[in-house]
C-alpha atoms as a PDB file:
ATOM      1  CA  MET A   1     -46.042  70.789 -44.933  1.00  0.00           C
ATOM      2  CA  HIS A   2     -46.604  74.030 -46.814  1.00  0.00           C
ATOM      3  CA  ASP A   3     -45.948  74.380 -50.507  1.00  0.00           C
ATOM      4  CA  SER A   4     -44.040  77.498 -51.532  1.00  0.00           C
ATOM      5  CA  LEU A   5     -47.090  79.030 -53.223  1.00  0.00           C
ATOM      6  CA  SER A   6     -49.196  79.141 -50.050  1.00  0.00           C
ATOM      7  CA  VAL A   7     -46.217  80.493 -48.114  1.00  0.00           C
ATOM      8  CA  ALA A   8     -45.734  83.241 -50.697  1.00  0.00           C
ATOM      9  CA  LYS A   9     -49.443  84.101 -50.517  1.00  0.00           C
ATOM     10  CA  LEU A  10     -49.225  84.267 -46.720  1.00  0.00           C
ATOM     11  CA  ILE A  11     -46.191  86.570 -46.807  1.00  0.00           C
ATOM     12  CA  ASN A  12     -47.864  88.724 -49.469  1.00  0.00           C
ATOM     13  CA  GLY A  13     -50.944  89.026 -47.264  1.00  0.00           C
ATOM     14  CA  TYR A  14     -48.864  90.168 -44.304  1.00  0.00           C
ATOM     15  CA  ILE A  15     -47.075  92.768 -46.445  1.00  0.00           C
ATOM     16  CA  LEU A  16     -50.382  94.116 -47.789  1.00  0.00           C
ATOM     17  CA  LYS A  17     -51.802  94.318 -44.269  1.00  0.00           C
ATOM     18  CA  GLY A  18     -48.679  96.142 -43.096  1.00  0.00           C
ATOM     19  CA  ASN A  19     -48.917  98.647 -45.958  1.00  0.00           C
ATOM     20  CA  ALA A  20     -52.593  99.288 -45.241  1.00  0.00           C
ATOM     21  CA  LEU A  21     -51.752  99.885 -41.582  1.00  0.00           C
ATOM     22  CA  ASP A  22     -49.012 102.364 -42.523  1.00  0.00           C
ATOM     23  CA  MET A  23     -51.366 104.235 -44.865  1.00  0.00           C
ATOM     24  CA  PHE A  24     -53.988 104.353 -42.097  1.00  0.00           C
ATOM     25  CA  ARG A  25     -51.447 105.795 -39.630  1.00  0.00           C
ATOM     26  CA  LEU A  26     -50.311 108.393 -42.167  1.00  0.00           C
ATOM     27  CA  SER A  27     -53.865 109.530 -42.898  1.00  0.00           C
ATOM     28  CA  VAL A  28     -54.660 109.762 -39.177  1.00  0.00           C
ATOM     29  CA  LYS A  29     -51.523 111.818 -38.638  1.00  0.00           C
ATOM     30  CA  ALA A  30     -52.437 114.115 -41.526  1.00  0.00           C
ATOM     31  CA  THR A  31     -55.977 114.737 -40.264  1.00  0.00           C
ATOM     32  CA  SER A  32     -54.891 115.331 -36.654  1.00  0.00           C
ATOM     33  CA  GLU A  33     -52.477 118.127 -37.608  1.00  0.00           C
END
C-alpha cells in the first residue's frame, strides 16, 4: 500500500519528465526551422 506522499512524489516526477520532454521537442523544432 502506498502512502499519499510517495504517490504525490511519483506523480510529480511524471509531470517533470513530461515538461522536460515538451521543452526538448520545442527546442528541436526551433533548431530545425
